[in-house]
Amino acid sequence: MPVNLSVPNPSDLHPVPGVQLGITMAGVRKANRRDLTVITLDEGSAVAGVFTKNRYCAAPVQLCRERLAAGSEIRALVINTGNANAGTGEDGLVRARATCIALARQLSISPEQILPFSTGVIMETLPVDRIEAGLPGAIADLKPDNWAAAAEGIMTTDTLPKAASRQITLGGVTVTVTGISKGAGMIRPNMATMLGYVATDANIRPDLLQALVTEAANVSFNRITIDGDTSTNDSFVLMASRKAAHAEITDLDSAEGRALREAVIAVSQHLAQAIVRDGEGATKFIAITVEGGRTEDECAKAAYAIAHSPLVKTAFFASDPNLGRILAAVGYAGIDDLDQNLIELHLDDVHVVTKGGRNPSYREEDGQRVMKQSEITIRVGLNRGTAKTTVWTCDLSHDYVSINADYRS
């Protein structure tokens, strides 16, 4: 079961002016499930994205990168689940383009104005005929208040849909930021398999959008991990319809720019953390903060070493305070001149390690008390600088093995 995660209330997901979503059942892989989503954007919208750093990336990722780099005015997104269209070679690119062509005909726009996305099983041929047949149903369903249905429509092994929404005031005008994400396994940022879509009606200068989506990704989707695997299809897209009637944001460091940035980051972090809470087989949500590093990068190295350790993750599943495993992970994280005698370790309010050794006042029953909780914070102090970062992860349970062993069944 997901860790303290519930189905989003549709009424809490504010529509974004200039953005519509339509969802249908196309039978991409399984019958009788929502698996095809179309998002349309009004003319004048701006789009930016970040994608997987896996060199073996899916055909739709390649097309998205190509079209965004070319500066195409994006007017629609098409998303299918059940089939990743990855590991499919040139045929995969042909089929991704064919999907865009089919949607373009129905929307009377150019195929280059469409971004395709796929998620699901790798190395299987994308059933373009089923997707094409499903497009009219998705288009007929287009409406601005369809965010909750779209969150369900992009799911694969997720147990619950994931969505978030915020409203802020810019120049006396209400501005909306709403988003959805999917992901439960094969999660390791670079990007973290996950898809994320966030939209706003903020009137932001288009050339600022790439910096904003990159920054948001770096403190949200690029700070989560479930199993350490980097997917072939990871994509995080930020869309701005620019419909809000406030003065155009031309500087992200202005008061309006900072307010928008905070809202986008807040929605992105909620969506990213929801992925961890719904991690395949997860029973515990774990925040790992490493502080006192010389750089944020070395703090991240230590945090990910802890988050990726099967020994640490299984100990947390069992509520076994075998906390020396955390110290071992910090030690092999790749900080070559680390002084182990400066290390501090806290488990929530419990001070476990001081000056590199067991805190004399630490009692194992206190550690076990914290480890039985569904939400846990690990805090490691390196005491070599002022940098810090936080990574969110989950435990590793028997169910993770079962889910992934039976994924294609």
Protein backbone atom coordinates (compact mmCIF):
# COMPACT_ATOMS: atom_id res chain seq x y z
CA MET A 1 0.00 0.00 0.00
CA PRO A 2 1.19 3.56 -0.68
CA VAL A 3 2.77 5.36 2.27
CA ASN A 4 0.40 8.11 3.44
CA LEU A 5 -0.79 8.81 -0.09
CA SER A 6 -4.42 9.12 -1.13
CA VAL A 7 -6.33 9.57 -4.37
CA PRO A 8 -6.35 13.27 -5.30
CA ASN A 9 -9.68 15.04 -5.02
CA PRO A 10 -10.63 16.30 -8.52
CA SER A 11 -12.08 19.48 -7.05
CA ASP A 12 -8.66 20.33 -5.57
CA LEU A 13 -7.02 20.30 -9.01
CA HIS A 14 -7.52 23.75 -10.48
CA PRO A 15 -7.99 23.97 -14.27
CA VAL A 16 -5.29 25.89 -16.10
CA PRO A 17 -6.73 28.35 -18.65
CA GLY A 18 -5.52 27.44 -22.13
CA VAL A 19 -4.92 23.77 -21.30
CA GLN A 20 -7.32 20.87 -21.95
CA LEU A 21 -6.94 17.14 -21.32
CA GLY A 22 -8.72 14.15 -22.82
CA ILE A 23 -8.42 10.50 -21.81
CA THR A 24 -9.67 7.27 -23.36
CA MET A 25 -9.27 3.50 -23.40
CA ALA A 26 -7.28 2.51 -26.49
CA GLY A 27 -6.28 -1.03 -25.49
CA VAL A 28 -2.59 -0.30 -26.00
CA ARG A 29 -1.67 -3.31 -23.89
CA LYS A 30 -4.68 -4.22 -21.80
CA ALA A 31 -8.38 -3.77 -22.44
CA ASN A 32 -10.71 -1.68 -20.30
CA ARG A 33 -8.16 0.70 -18.85
CA ARG A 34 -7.47 4.36 -19.51
CA ASP A 35 -4.20 4.36 -21.39
CA LEU A 36 -4.25 7.21 -23.91
CA THR A 37 -4.12 10.88 -22.95
CA VAL A 38 -4.10 13.98 -25.14
CA ILE A 39 -3.23 17.44 -23.78
CA THR A 40 -3.87 20.49 -25.95
CA LEU A 41 -2.43 23.97 -25.52
CA ASP A 42 -3.81 27.23 -26.86
CA GLU A 43 -1.83 29.17 -29.40
CA GLY A 44 0.92 31.26 -27.81
CA SER A 45 1.80 28.71 -25.16
CA ALA A 46 5.39 27.85 -24.26
CA VAL A 47 6.78 24.39 -23.43
CA ALA A 48 10.10 23.17 -22.01
CA GLY A 49 11.26 19.83 -20.69
CA VAL A 50 14.00 17.68 -19.24
CA PHE A 51 14.47 14.05 -20.18
CA THR A 52 16.26 10.87 -19.20
CA LYS A 53 20.05 10.81 -19.32
CA ASN A 54 19.93 7.12 -20.17
CA ARG A 55 21.76 6.90 -23.51
CA TYR A 56 19.41 4.08 -24.50
CA CYS A 57 16.44 6.41 -24.63
CA ALA A 58 13.03 5.75 -26.12
CA ALA A 59 11.86 6.93 -29.54
CA PRO A 60 9.41 9.51 -28.14
CA VAL A 61 12.16 11.03 -25.99
CA GLN A 62 14.28 11.47 -29.11
CA LEU A 63 11.43 13.21 -30.93
CA CYS A 64 10.60 15.46 -27.98
CA ARG A 65 14.20 16.61 -27.69
CA GLU A 66 14.38 17.24 -31.42
CA ARG A 67 11.20 19.30 -31.56
CA LEU A 68 11.91 21.39 -28.48
CA ALA A 69 15.45 22.08 -29.69
CA ALA A 70 14.05 23.22 -33.03
CA GLY A 71 11.88 25.78 -31.27
CA SER A 72 8.61 24.36 -32.55
CA GLU A 73 5.48 25.95 -31.08
CA ILE A 74 4.04 22.98 -29.21
CA ARG A 75 0.25 22.73 -29.31
CA ALA A 76 -0.38 19.18 -28.07
CA LEU A 77 1.01 16.22 -26.17
CA VAL A 78 0.01 12.58 -26.69
CA ILE A 79 0.78 10.03 -23.97
CA ASN A 80 0.28 6.28 -24.06
CA THR A 81 0.85 3.75 -21.30
CA GLY A 82 1.45 0.01 -21.58
CA ASN A 83 4.19 0.28 -24.20
CA ALA A 84 7.41 2.28 -23.81
CA ASN A 85 8.36 2.31 -27.51
CA ALA A 86 11.95 1.90 -26.31
CA GLY A 87 14.47 -0.54 -27.69
CA THR A 88 12.53 -0.44 -30.95
CA GLY A 89 15.10 1.10 -33.29
CA GLU A 90 14.14 3.05 -36.39
CA ASP A 91 10.71 1.41 -36.44
CA GLY A 92 9.98 3.00 -33.06
CA LEU A 93 10.76 6.46 -34.43
CA VAL A 94 8.54 5.82 -37.45
CA ARG A 95 5.68 4.77 -35.18
CA ALA A 96 6.12 7.73 -32.81
CA ARG A 97 6.02 10.07 -35.81
CA ALA A 98 2.95 8.26 -37.18
CA THR A 99 1.14 8.84 -33.88
CA CYS A 100 1.90 12.56 -34.09
CA ILE A 101 0.78 12.70 -37.72
CA ALA A 102 -2.52 11.04 -36.85
CA LEU A 103 -3.19 13.48 -34.00
CA ALA A 104 -2.09 16.48 -36.08
CA ARG A 105 -4.67 15.66 -38.75
CA GLN A 106 -7.46 15.64 -36.19
CA LEU A 107 -6.34 18.86 -34.49
CA SER A 108 -5.46 20.65 -37.76
CA ILE A 109 -1.94 21.46 -36.63
CA SER A 110 1.54 20.38 -37.75
CA PRO A 111 3.00 17.05 -36.55
CA GLU A 112 6.06 19.00 -35.39
CA GLN A 113 3.79 20.81 -32.93
CA ILE A 114 3.10 17.58 -31.04
CA LEU A 115 5.22 15.93 -28.36
CA PRO A 116 4.76 12.14 -27.97
CA PHE A 117 5.32 10.22 -24.72
CA SER A 118 5.21 6.51 -23.98
CA THR A 119 5.64 4.41 -20.85
CA GLY A 120 5.39 0.69 -20.21
CA VAL A 121 7.13 -2.44 -21.43
CA ILE A 122 10.44 -2.01 -23.30
CA MET A 123 11.30 -3.73 -26.62
CA GLU A 124 7.73 -4.19 -27.81
CA THR A 125 6.31 -2.71 -31.00
CA LEU A 126 4.09 0.32 -30.44
CA PRO A 127 0.53 -0.52 -31.62
CA VAL A 128 -0.04 2.65 -33.64
CA ASP A 129 -3.31 1.33 -35.07
CA ARG A 130 -4.86 1.10 -31.60
CA ILE A 131 -3.58 4.53 -30.65
CA GLU A 132 -4.91 6.09 -33.86
CA ALA A 133 -8.27 4.42 -33.30
CA GLY A 134 -8.37 5.80 -29.77
CA LEU A 135 -7.47 9.41 -30.60
CA PRO A 136 -11.03 10.54 -31.51
CA GLY A 137 -12.24 9.37 -28.10
CA ALA A 138 -9.48 11.27 -26.32
CA ILE A 139 -10.17 14.41 -28.35
CA ALA A 140 -13.91 14.19 -27.67
CA ASP A 141 -13.08 14.04 -23.95
CA LEU A 142 -10.95 17.22 -23.96
CA LYS A 143 -11.82 19.57 -21.11
CA PRO A 144 -9.89 21.82 -18.71
CA ASP A 145 -10.97 20.06 -15.51
CA ASN A 146 -9.74 16.59 -16.52
CA TRP A 147 -6.54 16.54 -14.46
CA ALA A 148 -7.64 13.76 -12.11
CA ALA A 149 -8.64 11.47 -14.98
CA ALA A 150 -5.36 12.24 -16.77
CA ALA A 151 -3.40 11.33 -13.62
CA GLU A 152 -5.08 7.93 -13.78
CA GLY A 153 -4.61 7.63 -17.54
CA ILE A 154 -0.81 7.85 -17.40
CA MET A 155 -0.38 5.17 -14.70
CA THR A 156 1.44 1.84 -15.19
CA THR A 157 2.38 -0.07 -12.02
CA ASP A 158 1.26 2.88 -9.89
CA THR A 159 -1.37 1.95 -7.35
CA LEU A 160 -2.75 5.49 -7.09
CA PRO A 161 -2.90 8.54 -9.41
CA LYS A 162 -0.65 11.46 -8.50
CA ALA A 163 -1.63 15.11 -8.88
CA ALA A 164 -1.10 18.48 -7.20
CA SER A 165 -2.27 22.05 -7.64
CA ARG A 166 -1.44 25.49 -6.26
CA GLN A 167 -2.75 28.99 -6.85
CA ILE A 168 -0.81 32.20 -6.25
CA THR A 169 -1.39 35.89 -6.88
CA LEU A 170 0.82 37.75 -9.35
CA GLY A 171 0.14 41.42 -9.96
CA GLY A 172 -3.28 41.09 -8.40
CA VAL A 173 -4.18 38.18 -10.70
CA THR A 174 -4.80 34.58 -9.63
CA VAL A 175 -2.33 32.22 -11.33
CA THR A 176 -2.64 28.44 -11.32
CA VAL A 177 0.00 25.70 -11.29
CA THR A 178 -1.37 22.15 -11.68
CA GLY A 179 0.45 18.92 -12.47
CA ILE A 180 0.35 15.14 -12.64
CA SER A 181 3.00 12.44 -12.52
CA LYS A 182 3.40 8.69 -12.77
CA GLY A 183 6.02 6.29 -11.55
CA ALA A 184 6.48 3.53 -9.02
CA GLY A 185 9.52 1.52 -10.09
CA MET A 186 12.63 1.85 -12.27
CA ILE A 187 13.11 5.17 -10.52
CA ARG A 188 16.50 6.86 -10.23
CA PRO A 189 16.77 10.49 -11.19
CA ASN A 190 18.70 11.53 -14.23
CA MET A 191 15.62 11.89 -14.85
CA ALA A 192 13.96 9.83 -12.11
CA THR A 193 10.16 5.14 -15.01
CA MET A 194 8.53 8.48 -14.52
CA LEU A 195 6.52 11.03 -16.40
CA GLY A 196 5.65 14.47 -15.03
CA TYR A 197 3.52 17.23 -16.53
CA VAL A 198 3.05 20.62 -14.89
CA ALA A 199 1.07 23.47 -16.45
CA THR A 200 0.55 27.11 -15.51
CA ASP A 201 -1.25 30.07 -17.01
CA ALA A 202 1.48 32.44 -15.77
CA ASN A 203 2.56 34.96 -18.37
CA ILE A 204 6.24 34.08 -18.41
CA ARG A 205 8.67 34.94 -21.18
CA PRO A 206 9.09 31.70 -23.16
CA ASP A 207 12.89 31.65 -23.04
CA LEU A 208 12.79 31.48 -19.21
CA LEU A 209 10.83 28.23 -19.15
CA GLN A 210 13.81 25.90 -19.70
CA ALA A 211 15.71 27.30 -16.74
CA LEU A 212 12.61 27.00 -14.58
CA VAL A 213 11.84 23.39 -15.48
CA THR A 214 15.50 22.42 -15.01
CA GLU A 215 15.66 24.02 -11.58
CA ALA A 216 12.37 22.43 -10.55
CA ALA A 217 13.54 19.00 -11.72
CA ASN A 218 16.81 19.28 -9.84
CA VAL A 219 15.09 19.77 -6.48
CA SER A 220 12.23 17.34 -7.06
CA PHE A 221 12.31 14.53 -9.61
CA ASN A 222 16.10 14.52 -9.57
CA ARG A 223 16.09 14.01 -5.81
CA ILE A 224 14.08 10.80 -5.63
CA THR A 225 15.04 7.16 -5.99
CA ILE A 226 13.28 3.86 -5.48
CA ASP A 227 15.55 1.22 -6.96
CA GLY A 228 18.46 3.04 -8.59
CA ASP A 229 17.42 2.25 -12.18
CA THR A 230 17.34 5.10 -14.69
CA SER A 231 14.50 4.64 -17.17
CA THR A 232 14.61 4.93 -20.95
CA ASN A 233 11.53 7.18 -21.03
CA ASP A 234 11.73 9.67 -18.16
CA SER A 235 10.26 13.05 -19.07
CA PHE A 236 9.29 16.14 -17.11
CA VAL A 237 7.50 18.86 -19.05
CA LEU A 238 6.51 22.37 -17.99
CA MET A 239 3.80 24.12 -20.00
CA ALA A 240 2.84 27.80 -19.77
CA SER A 241 -0.33 28.91 -21.56
CA ARG A 242 0.58 32.52 -20.71
CA LYS A 243 -3.13 33.38 -20.39
CA ALA A 244 -2.94 35.17 -17.02
CA ALA A 245 -3.52 38.93 -17.32
CA HIS A 246 -0.50 40.11 -15.32
CA ALA A 247 2.64 41.80 -16.59
CA GLU A 248 4.98 39.38 -18.35
CA ILE A 249 7.60 37.79 -16.10
CA THR A 250 10.96 38.62 -17.66
CA ASP A 251 13.23 37.72 -14.74
CA LEU A 252 13.01 34.63 -12.52
CA ASP A 253 14.74 36.60 -9.76
CA SER A 254 12.01 39.25 -9.69
CA ALA A 255 9.35 39.06 -6.97
CA GLU A 256 6.86 37.56 -9.44
CA GLY A 257 9.48 35.21 -10.84
CA ARG A 258 10.38 33.93 -7.37
CA ALA A 259 6.72 33.42 -6.48
CA LEU A 260 6.12 31.41 -9.64
CA ARG A 261 9.30 29.42 -9.09
CA GLU A 262 8.22 28.53 -5.54
CA ALA A 263 4.81 27.35 -6.76
CA VAL A 264 6.25 25.25 -9.58
CA ILE A 265 8.81 23.69 -7.24
CA ALA A 266 6.15 22.99 -4.59
CA VAL A 267 3.94 21.16 -7.11
CA SER A 268 6.94 19.31 -8.57
CA GLN A 269 8.16 18.17 -5.15
CA HIS A 270 4.68 16.98 -4.20
CA LEU A 271 4.50 14.94 -7.41
CA ALA A 272 8.02 13.56 -6.97
CA GLN A 273 7.44 12.56 -3.36
CA ALA A 274 4.15 10.92 -4.36
CA ILE A 275 6.14 8.64 -6.67
CA VAL A 276 8.30 7.54 -3.74
CA ARG A 277 5.27 7.06 -1.48
CA ASP A 278 3.84 4.78 -4.17
CA GLY A 279 7.13 2.96 -4.77
CA GLU A 280 6.63 -0.65 -5.77
CA GLY A 281 6.12 -2.54 -2.52
CA ALA A 282 7.03 0.48 -0.38
CA THR A 283 6.00 0.48 3.27
CA LYS A 284 8.08 3.46 4.45
CA PHE A 285 8.84 6.94 3.12
CA ILE A 286 12.40 7.99 3.96
CA ALA A 287 13.93 11.46 3.70
CA ILE A 288 17.73 11.47 3.69
CA THR A 289 19.37 14.81 4.43
CA VAL A 290 23.14 15.09 4.18
CA GLU A 291 24.53 18.38 5.48
CA GLY A 292 27.89 19.91 6.21
CA GLY A 293 29.40 18.97 2.86
CA ARG A 294 31.84 21.05 0.85
CA THR A 295 29.56 20.89 -2.18
CA GLU A 296 25.97 19.88 -2.84
CA ASP A 297 27.30 17.23 -5.22
CA GLU A 298 29.19 15.37 -2.49
CA CYS A 299 26.17 15.60 -0.21
CA ALA A 300 24.10 14.02 -2.99
CA LYS A 301 26.69 11.26 -3.42
CA ALA A 302 26.38 10.31 0.23
CA ALA A 303 22.58 10.57 0.22
CA TYR A 304 22.23 8.36 -2.86
CA ALA A 305 24.70 5.83 -1.49
CA ILE A 306 22.39 5.42 1.50
CA ALA A 307 19.22 5.47 -0.60
CA HIS A 308 20.49 2.85 -3.06
CA SER A 309 21.93 0.40 -0.53
CA PRO A 310 19.85 -2.81 -0.54
CA LEU A 311 21.18 -3.50 2.96
CA VAL A 312 19.93 -0.15 4.26
CA LYS A 313 16.60 -0.41 2.47
CA THR A 314 15.86 -3.94 3.66
CA ALA A 315 16.84 -3.05 7.22
CA PHE A 316 14.26 -0.26 7.17
CA PHE A 317 11.64 -2.64 5.80
CA ALA A 318 12.32 -4.98 8.73
CA SER A 319 12.57 -2.10 11.26
CA ASP A 320 15.99 -3.51 12.17
CA PRO A 321 18.25 -0.74 13.59
CA ASN A 322 21.35 -2.10 11.90
CA LEU A 323 22.47 1.48 11.40
CA GLY A 324 26.12 0.74 10.74
CA ARG A 325 24.94 0.05 7.20
CA ILE A 326 24.26 3.78 6.81
CA LEU A 327 27.81 4.64 7.89
CA ALA A 328 29.22 2.07 5.47
CA ALA A 329 27.23 3.63 2.61
CA VAL A 330 28.53 7.10 3.43
CA GLY A 331 32.04 5.68 3.49
CA TYR A 332 31.86 4.23 -0.02
CA ALA A 333 29.98 7.19 -1.54
CA GLY A 334 33.13 8.46 -3.25
CA ILE A 335 34.18 11.34 -0.99
CA ASP A 336 37.87 10.50 -1.05
CA ASP A 337 39.10 12.78 1.75
CA LEU A 338 36.15 12.18 4.09
CA ASP A 339 37.11 12.27 7.77
CA GLN A 340 35.07 9.52 9.42
CA ASN A 341 35.77 10.98 12.85
CA LEU A 342 33.59 14.00 12.05
CA ILE A 343 30.45 12.06 11.05
CA GLU A 344 27.19 12.66 12.93
CA LEU A 345 24.05 10.56 12.37
CA HIS A 346 20.49 11.21 13.53
CA LEU A 347 17.42 9.07 12.98
CA ASP A 348 14.59 11.57 13.46
CA ASP A 349 15.17 12.83 17.02
CA VAL A 350 17.53 10.01 17.96
CA HIS A 351 21.25 10.88 17.97
CA VAL A 352 22.87 7.63 16.84
CA VAL A 353 26.46 8.54 15.99
CA THR A 354 28.72 11.35 17.17
CA LYS A 355 32.30 12.06 16.07
CA GLY A 356 32.25 8.93 13.90
CA GLY A 357 31.29 6.50 16.66
CA ARG A 358 28.26 5.29 18.52
CA ASN A 359 26.74 8.00 20.69
CA PRO A 360 27.13 6.82 24.32
CA SER A 361 23.50 7.77 25.02
CA TYR A 362 22.09 5.91 22.01
CA ARG A 363 19.82 2.97 22.81
CA GLU A 364 18.85 0.44 20.14
CA GLU A 365 15.22 0.47 21.25
CA ASP A 366 15.11 4.16 20.37
CA GLY A 367 16.38 3.42 16.89
CA GLN A 368 13.85 0.65 16.46
CA ARG A 369 11.05 2.94 17.62
CA VAL A 370 11.81 5.36 14.80
CA MET A 371 12.29 2.61 12.22
CA LYS A 372 8.78 1.29 12.89
CA GLN A 373 7.32 4.60 11.72
CA SER A 374 5.91 4.96 8.20
CA GLU A 375 7.83 8.21 7.69
CA ILE A 376 11.46 8.51 8.73
CA THR A 377 14.19 11.13 8.41
CA ILE A 378 17.87 10.17 8.25
CA ARG A 379 20.21 13.10 8.87
CA VAL A 380 23.94 12.77 8.26
CA GLY A 381 26.40 15.50 9.18
CA LEU A 382 29.73 15.49 7.33
CA ASN A 383 31.09 18.56 9.18
CA ARG A 384 33.36 19.68 6.35
CA GLY A 385 31.41 22.59 4.87
CA THR A 386 28.02 24.31 4.58
CA ALA A 387 26.38 22.50 1.64
CA LYS A 388 23.38 20.22 2.08
CA THR A 389 20.79 18.30 0.08
CA THR A 390 17.84 15.98 0.62
CA VAL A 391 16.93 12.80 -1.26
CA TRP A 392 13.63 10.96 -0.87
CA THR A 393 13.42 7.18 -1.06
CA CYS A 394 11.56 4.17 0.32
CA ASP A 395 12.30 0.76 1.79
CA LEU A 396 12.75 -2.44 -0.24
CA SER A 397 10.19 -5.14 0.49
CA HIS A 398 9.25 -8.64 -0.65
CA ASP A 399 6.51 -7.08 -2.80
CA TYR A 400 9.05 -5.15 -4.89
CA VAL A 401 10.49 -8.45 -6.13
CA SER A 402 7.05 -9.92 -6.79
CA ILE A 403 5.78 -6.87 -8.69
CA ASN A 404 8.80 -6.70 -10.97
CA ALA A 405 9.07 -10.46 -11.47
CA ASP A 406 5.46 -10.52 -12.71
CA TYR A 407 5.43 -7.15 -14.52
CA ARG A 408 4.78 -8.56 -18.01
CA SER A 409 2.41 -11.30 -16.91
